[in-house]
């Protein structure tokens, strides 16, 4: 008697029917992210996007791929999956935004040892929520069940996004100059970077993730989703054009590692530490672990998730536009001239 092939696969640890149930469950969430140019194809072998229909004929495509690092471990340990998909989207679309591009579509990769449909659906639904916030379509993805490779209850995530920008509007611009102003946009916490250190500090210091913290718990504060800056920054770019010269997404490497990435030779950022937005999570991390300012600034965003370099004459107007779009902009520094070999991000 021949064995049922699906039963044999299930006995090996792969539940094909669970995958089908997941697709059925997440289809409405993906459908809710549709936008001009997106051609629905969830569940197909590939997905298409019509640049012309999205108003981007003749534009450059900008692509990004990323994950959420070991923040995923914290989310798994606490059983809190409802924000991790937003993190995934944010890490990709904020990078695309740093090139001046509008995110158009997104794909995700979800891998696990044994598919938990409820947990996976929560993750993908949060990915869809992030896509809606960013104005991009969730047009596809991959769910991989890999028994023996991941421990029970564990999963991994990766995201892939593509955006478009007109050729003459790509950031950073070659007009960056001494005297330009740096505007910082507030972060929601640690975003998705520095979590290997955070988890080590938590273990070494016995942090109670259920302890009260800022109206919630410490665990909830550490899992606050990464902010998505797409809509307000695109609105500012539309209103102020060439006055916005560069955007730095503050991810791994913190302020000192990311701001220099947008600067040409001969320029450095001079930042006033006192101007950085106050952030309870940043303050807690530094105080509880006695971390130096230098360590904080090379590891975490220090309350600033995005830094925008703008022409000095238009800085106030740009900050007002960002404020009108719901942001909390702060003038945190300026660009200065520097010699070869000098520190490119000076914070004091």
Protein backbone atom coordinates (compact mmCIF):
# COMPACT_ATOMS: atom_id res chain seq x y z
CA UNK A 1 0.00 0.00 0.00
CA UNK A 2 1.44 3.39 -1.00
CA UNK A 3 1.93 5.97 1.70
CA UNK A 4 0.09 9.29 1.61
CA UNK A 5 2.85 11.70 0.42
CA UNK A 6 1.52 14.62 2.46
CA UNK A 7 1.33 12.41 5.56
CA UNK A 8 4.91 11.31 5.03
CA UNK A 9 6.04 14.93 4.72
CA UNK A 10 4.07 15.86 7.85
CA UNK A 11 5.77 13.05 9.76
CA UNK A 12 9.10 14.57 8.68
CA UNK A 13 8.01 17.83 10.28
CA UNK A 14 6.54 19.84 7.38
CA UNK A 15 2.81 20.63 7.40
CA UNK A 16 1.87 21.64 3.84
CA UNK A 17 -1.75 22.19 4.87
CA UNK A 18 -0.62 24.71 7.49
CA UNK A 19 1.12 26.69 4.76
CA UNK A 20 -2.10 26.77 2.77
CA UNK A 21 -4.01 27.96 5.83
CA UNK A 22 -1.46 30.71 6.36
CA UNK A 23 -1.84 31.97 2.77
CA UNK A 24 -5.61 32.01 3.20
CA UNK A 25 -5.31 33.98 6.43
CA UNK A 26 -2.81 36.60 5.26
CA UNK A 27 -4.33 37.26 1.82
CA UNK A 28 -6.70 39.99 3.12
CA UNK A 29 -3.83 41.76 4.89
CA UNK A 30 -1.73 41.75 1.74
CA UNK A 31 -4.68 42.87 -0.39
CA UNK A 32 -5.15 45.89 1.90
CA UNK A 33 -1.69 47.17 0.89
CA UNK A 34 -2.43 47.42 -2.84
CA UNK A 35 -1.44 50.64 -4.59
CA UNK A 36 -1.15 51.97 -8.14
CA UNK A 37 1.21 49.76 -10.12
CA UNK A 38 0.82 46.63 -8.01
CA UNK A 39 -0.50 43.58 -9.85
CA UNK A 40 -1.91 41.12 -7.29
CA UNK A 41 -0.07 37.79 -7.31
CA UNK A 42 0.05 36.48 -3.73
CA UNK A 43 0.58 32.74 -3.89
CA UNK A 44 2.00 32.81 -7.42
CA UNK A 45 5.57 32.09 -8.51
CA UNK A 46 6.40 35.74 -8.98
CA UNK A 47 4.98 39.23 -8.75
CA UNK A 48 4.93 42.14 -11.17
CA UNK A 49 4.84 45.89 -10.74
CA UNK A 50 3.96 48.46 -13.40
CA UNK A 51 6.27 51.48 -12.97
CA UNK A 52 4.33 53.51 -15.49
CA UNK A 53 1.06 53.01 -13.64
CA UNK A 54 2.77 54.24 -10.47
CA UNK A 55 3.92 57.43 -12.19
CA UNK A 56 7.60 56.48 -12.30
CA UNK A 57 8.46 56.05 -15.96
CA UNK A 58 12.11 56.86 -16.54
CA UNK A 59 13.01 56.63 -12.86
CA UNK A 60 15.77 54.65 -11.19
CA UNK A 61 14.85 51.63 -9.11
CA UNK A 62 16.32 51.53 -5.59
CA UNK A 63 16.34 48.20 -3.74
CA UNK A 64 17.04 47.16 -0.17
CA UNK A 65 17.03 43.94 1.84
CA UNK A 66 17.34 43.56 5.60
CA UNK A 67 16.20 41.74 8.72
CA UNK A 68 15.54 42.73 12.32
CA UNK A 69 18.60 41.16 13.95
CA UNK A 70 18.41 39.64 17.40
CA UNK A 71 15.43 41.77 18.34
CA UNK A 72 13.67 38.74 16.90
CA UNK A 73 15.07 36.62 19.75
CA UNK A 74 13.60 39.01 22.32
CA UNK A 75 10.23 39.00 20.54
CA UNK A 76 10.22 35.19 20.47
CA UNK A 77 11.23 34.87 24.12
CA UNK A 78 8.45 37.26 25.17
CA UNK A 79 5.89 35.79 22.76
CA UNK A 80 5.22 39.24 21.30
CA UNK A 81 5.11 39.11 17.49
CA UNK A 82 2.71 41.95 16.68
CA UNK A 83 5.30 44.62 15.95
CA UNK A 84 8.22 42.69 14.51
CA UNK A 85 6.88 42.86 10.95
CA UNK A 86 6.76 46.66 11.16
CA UNK A 87 10.44 46.53 12.16
CA UNK A 88 11.18 44.45 9.08
CA UNK A 89 9.46 46.86 6.71
CA UNK A 90 11.00 49.90 8.38
CA UNK A 91 14.55 48.62 8.08
CA UNK A 92 14.12 48.28 4.32
CA UNK A 93 11.94 51.26 3.39
CA UNK A 94 13.86 53.76 5.53
CA UNK A 95 17.02 52.69 3.68
CA UNK A 96 15.29 53.27 0.34
CA UNK A 97 14.09 56.63 1.60
CA UNK A 98 17.71 57.61 2.27
CA UNK A 99 18.22 57.56 -1.51
CA UNK A 100 15.21 59.83 -1.96
CA UNK A 101 13.08 56.99 -3.31
CA UNK A 102 9.41 56.19 -2.81
CA UNK A 103 8.98 52.53 -1.73
CA UNK A 104 6.77 50.72 -4.20
CA UNK A 105 6.55 47.09 -3.14
CA UNK A 106 7.75 44.64 -0.54
CA UNK A 107 8.35 40.90 -0.24
CA UNK A 108 9.06 38.92 2.90
CA UNK A 109 10.79 35.65 3.77
CA UNK A 110 9.60 33.76 6.86
CA UNK A 111 11.43 30.59 7.87
CA UNK A 112 10.62 28.34 10.82
CA UNK A 113 11.11 24.82 12.13
CA UNK A 114 7.39 24.07 12.40
CA UNK A 115 4.77 26.46 11.11
CA UNK A 116 2.63 28.03 13.83
CA UNK A 117 -0.13 29.55 11.71
CA UNK A 118 -1.32 31.97 14.40
CA UNK A 119 2.17 33.33 15.14
CA UNK A 120 3.14 33.50 11.46
CA UNK A 121 -0.10 35.26 10.58
CA UNK A 122 0.50 37.84 13.33
CA UNK A 123 3.96 38.51 11.90
CA UNK A 124 2.78 38.84 8.31
CA UNK A 125 -0.18 40.99 9.32
CA UNK A 126 2.28 43.33 11.04
CA UNK A 127 4.36 43.35 7.85
CA UNK A 128 1.22 44.42 6.00
CA UNK A 129 0.64 47.17 8.60
CA UNK A 130 4.18 48.43 7.99
CA UNK A 131 3.64 48.38 4.24
CA UNK A 132 0.45 50.43 4.58
CA UNK A 133 2.31 52.96 6.70
CA UNK A 134 5.05 53.17 4.06
CA UNK A 135 2.58 53.31 1.16
CA UNK A 136 4.05 50.24 -0.54
CA UNK A 137 2.34 47.05 -1.64
CA UNK A 138 3.02 43.65 -0.09
CA UNK A 139 3.10 41.73 -3.35
CA UNK A 140 4.52 38.39 -2.30
CA UNK A 141 6.85 36.41 -0.11
CA UNK A 142 8.05 32.97 0.93
CA UNK A 143 7.23 30.79 3.90
CA UNK A 144 9.77 28.02 4.54
CA UNK A 145 9.21 25.20 7.01
CA UNK A 146 12.62 23.73 7.91
CA UNK A 147 12.44 21.12 10.69
CA UNK A 148 15.81 20.32 12.20
CA UNK A 149 17.25 23.68 11.19
CA UNK A 150 15.30 25.91 13.59
CA UNK A 151 14.44 25.08 17.19
CA UNK A 152 10.78 24.67 18.12
CA UNK A 153 9.06 28.06 18.25
CA UNK A 154 11.90 29.87 16.48
CA UNK A 155 11.61 31.69 13.18
CA UNK A 156 13.64 34.06 11.05
CA UNK A 157 12.65 37.00 8.89
CA UNK A 158 14.06 38.85 5.93
CA UNK A 159 12.52 41.61 3.86
CA UNK A 160 13.04 42.94 0.36
CA UNK A 161 11.79 46.28 -0.92
CA UNK A 162 12.06 48.20 -4.18
CA UNK A 163 11.43 51.90 -4.68
CA UNK A 164 11.79 54.50 -7.42
CA UNK A 165 13.24 57.98 -7.70
CA UNK A 166 13.74 60.36 -10.61
CA UNK A 167 17.33 60.37 -11.83
CA UNK A 168 17.95 63.99 -10.91
CA UNK A 169 16.48 63.60 -7.42
CA UNK A 170 18.67 60.80 -6.05
CA UNK A 171 20.10 61.43 -2.58
CA UNK A 172 22.61 62.39 -1.35
CA UNK A 173 23.01 65.41 -3.64
CA UNK A 174 26.40 66.77 -4.64
CA UNK A 175 25.42 70.17 -3.21
CA UNK A 176 26.19 69.26 0.42
CA UNK A 177 28.26 72.08 1.87
CA UNK A 178 29.72 73.51 5.03
CA UNK A 179 26.98 75.27 7.01
CA UNK A 180 24.18 72.90 6.01
CA UNK A 181 21.89 72.03 8.94
CA UNK A 182 21.19 68.56 10.34
CA UNK A 183 17.61 67.81 11.36
CA UNK A 184 17.00 64.75 13.51
CA UNK A 185 13.68 62.87 13.55
CA UNK A 186 12.78 61.18 16.83
CA UNK A 187 13.06 57.41 17.20
CA UNK A 188 10.65 55.17 19.10
CA UNK A 189 13.44 53.49 21.04
CA UNK A 190 16.25 51.17 20.00
CA UNK A 191 14.47 50.44 16.69
CA UNK A 192 16.14 47.24 15.36
CA UNK A 193 19.79 47.68 16.25
CA UNK A 194 21.98 46.97 19.25
CA UNK A 195 19.88 44.06 20.50
CA UNK A 196 22.77 41.65 20.97
CA UNK A 197 24.14 44.15 23.48
CA UNK A 198 20.68 44.80 24.96
CA UNK A 199 20.07 41.09 25.50
CA UNK A 200 23.50 40.65 27.08
CA UNK A 201 22.88 43.58 29.41
CA UNK A 202 19.46 42.17 30.28
CA UNK A 203 20.98 38.78 31.16
CA UNK A 204 23.93 40.25 33.06
CA UNK A 205 21.78 42.64 35.07
CA UNK A 206 18.70 40.48 35.55
CA UNK A 207 16.26 42.91 33.95
CA UNK A 208 12.61 42.08 34.57
CA UNK A 209 10.86 42.45 31.22
CA UNK A 210 7.50 42.65 32.99
CA UNK A 211 8.60 45.59 35.15
CA UNK A 212 6.59 48.81 34.70
CA UNK A 213 8.15 51.23 32.24
CA UNK A 214 6.66 54.40 30.74
CA UNK A 215 3.04 53.31 30.94
CA UNK A 216 3.74 49.73 29.86
CA UNK A 217 6.43 47.19 30.58
CA UNK A 218 10.17 47.19 29.93
CA UNK A 219 9.73 44.38 27.42
CA UNK A 220 7.11 46.35 25.51
CA UNK A 221 9.36 49.41 25.42
CA UNK A 222 12.28 47.39 24.07
CA UNK A 223 10.01 45.86 21.43
CA UNK A 224 8.49 49.18 20.29
CA UNK A 225 8.45 48.97 16.46
CA UNK A 226 10.94 50.91 14.38
CA UNK A 227 9.44 54.15 13.11
CA UNK A 228 8.71 54.43 9.40
CA UNK A 229 9.59 57.89 8.10
CA UNK A 230 8.47 57.52 4.49
CA UNK A 231 5.34 59.68 4.29
CA UNK A 232 6.63 62.78 6.14
CA UNK A 233 10.00 62.80 4.40
CA UNK A 234 8.49 62.30 0.94
CA UNK A 235 6.13 65.18 1.72
CA UNK A 236 9.09 67.36 2.68
CA UNK A 237 10.96 66.36 -0.48
CA UNK A 238 7.93 67.26 -2.57
CA UNK A 239 7.59 70.66 -0.88
CA UNK A 240 11.24 71.65 -0.58
CA UNK A 241 13.01 69.75 -3.37
CA UNK A 242 16.72 70.41 -3.67
CA UNK A 243 16.89 72.10 -0.26
CA UNK A 244 16.89 68.58 1.19
CA UNK A 245 20.35 67.30 0.34
CA UNK A 246 20.82 63.97 2.14
CA UNK A 247 19.14 61.50 4.48
CA UNK A 248 20.88 59.09 6.86
CA UNK A 249 19.00 56.14 8.36
CA UNK A 250 20.48 55.55 11.82
CA UNK A 251 20.85 51.78 12.06
CA UNK A 252 23.76 49.53 13.08
CA UNK A 253 26.73 51.66 14.04
CA UNK A 254 24.59 54.39 15.60
CA UNK A 255 25.04 58.07 14.91
CA UNK A 256 28.80 57.98 14.46
CA UNK A 257 28.64 55.08 12.02
CA UNK A 258 25.79 56.23 9.79
CA UNK A 259 25.95 60.00 9.40
CA UNK A 260 29.40 59.89 7.72
CA UNK A 261 27.94 57.58 5.04
CA UNK A 262 26.13 60.53 3.45
CA UNK A 263 29.07 62.97 3.56
CA UNK A 264 31.59 63.68 0.81
CA UNK A 265 35.28 64.09 1.54
CA UNK A 266 36.08 67.33 3.30
CA UNK A 267 32.88 67.51 5.35
CA UNK A 268 32.05 66.32 8.85
CA UNK A 269 28.98 66.48 11.06
CA UNK A 270 29.17 68.53 14.25
CA UNK A 271 26.36 67.48 16.59
CA UNK A 272 25.22 69.01 19.86
CA UNK A 273 24.56 66.12 22.21
CA UNK A 274 22.17 68.29 24.24
CA UNK A 275 19.96 68.75 21.16
CA UNK A 276 19.29 65.03 20.70
CA UNK A 277 15.63 64.18 21.46
CA UNK A 278 15.10 62.71 24.92
CA UNK A 279 14.25 59.02 24.76
CA UNK A 280 13.35 56.92 27.84
CA UNK A 281 14.75 53.69 26.37
CA UNK A 282 18.06 55.32 25.50
CA UNK A 283 18.29 56.88 28.96
CA UNK A 284 17.52 53.53 30.61
CA UNK A 285 20.13 51.66 28.59
CA UNK A 286 22.86 54.16 29.33
CA UNK A 287 22.11 54.55 33.04
CA UNK A 288 21.38 50.93 33.92
CA UNK A 289 24.50 49.63 32.20
CA UNK A 290 26.75 52.67 32.80
CA UNK A 291 27.48 52.97 29.07
CA UNK A 292 29.68 55.84 27.94
CA UNK A 293 28.41 58.50 25.54
CA UNK A 294 30.84 57.17 22.91
CA UNK A 295 29.50 53.62 23.26
CA UNK A 296 25.90 54.80 23.02
CA UNK A 297 26.59 56.94 19.96
CA UNK A 298 28.44 54.14 18.15
CA UNK A 299 25.78 51.51 18.94
CA UNK A 300 22.33 53.09 19.26
CA UNK A 301 20.33 55.83 17.56
CA UNK A 302 20.37 57.95 20.76
CA UNK A 303 16.81 59.10 20.14
CA UNK A 304 17.27 59.97 16.44
CA UNK A 305 16.08 57.46 13.85
CA UNK A 306 16.71 59.59 10.77
CA UNK A 307 18.99 62.56 10.08
CA UNK A 308 18.29 64.97 7.23
CA UNK A 309 20.87 67.42 5.87
CA UNK A 310 19.26 70.59 4.54
CA UNK A 311 20.20 74.04 3.29
CA UNK A 312 20.56 76.42 6.24
CA UNK A 313 18.23 79.04 4.75
CA UNK A 314 15.38 76.54 4.48
CA UNK A 315 15.93 74.57 7.69
CA UNK A 316 13.12 76.23 9.67
CA UNK A 317 10.58 75.78 6.86
CA UNK A 318 11.55 72.14 6.33
CA UNK A 319 11.30 71.44 10.06
CA UNK A 320 7.83 73.01 10.06
CA UNK A 321 6.72 70.81 7.15
CA UNK A 322 7.97 67.73 8.97
CA UNK A 323 6.16 68.84 12.11
CA UNK A 324 2.95 69.34 10.15
CA UNK A 325 3.36 65.76 8.90
CA UNK A 326 3.42 64.46 12.47
CA UNK A 327 7.16 64.35 13.09
CA UNK A 328 9.21 65.72 15.99
CA UNK A 329 12.10 67.41 14.17
CA UNK A 330 15.06 68.80 16.09
CA UNK A 331 18.02 70.81 14.82
CA UNK A 332 20.88 68.65 16.10
CA UNK A 333 23.92 70.06 14.30
CA UNK A 334 25.62 71.38 11.20
CA UNK A 335 28.13 70.34 8.57
CA UNK A 336 31.68 71.63 8.98
CA UNK A 337 34.83 71.40 6.93
CA UNK A 338 37.41 68.80 7.94
CA UNK A 339 40.86 67.56 7.00
CA UNK A 340 41.58 64.09 5.66
CA UNK A 341 41.58 61.57 8.47
CA UNK A 342 39.56 63.76 10.82
CA UNK A 343 36.58 62.40 12.75
CA UNK A 344 33.57 62.58 10.44
CA UNK A 345 30.91 62.75 13.17
CA UNK A 346 31.84 64.97 16.10
CA UNK A 347 29.42 64.90 19.01
CA UNK A 348 29.88 67.12 22.01
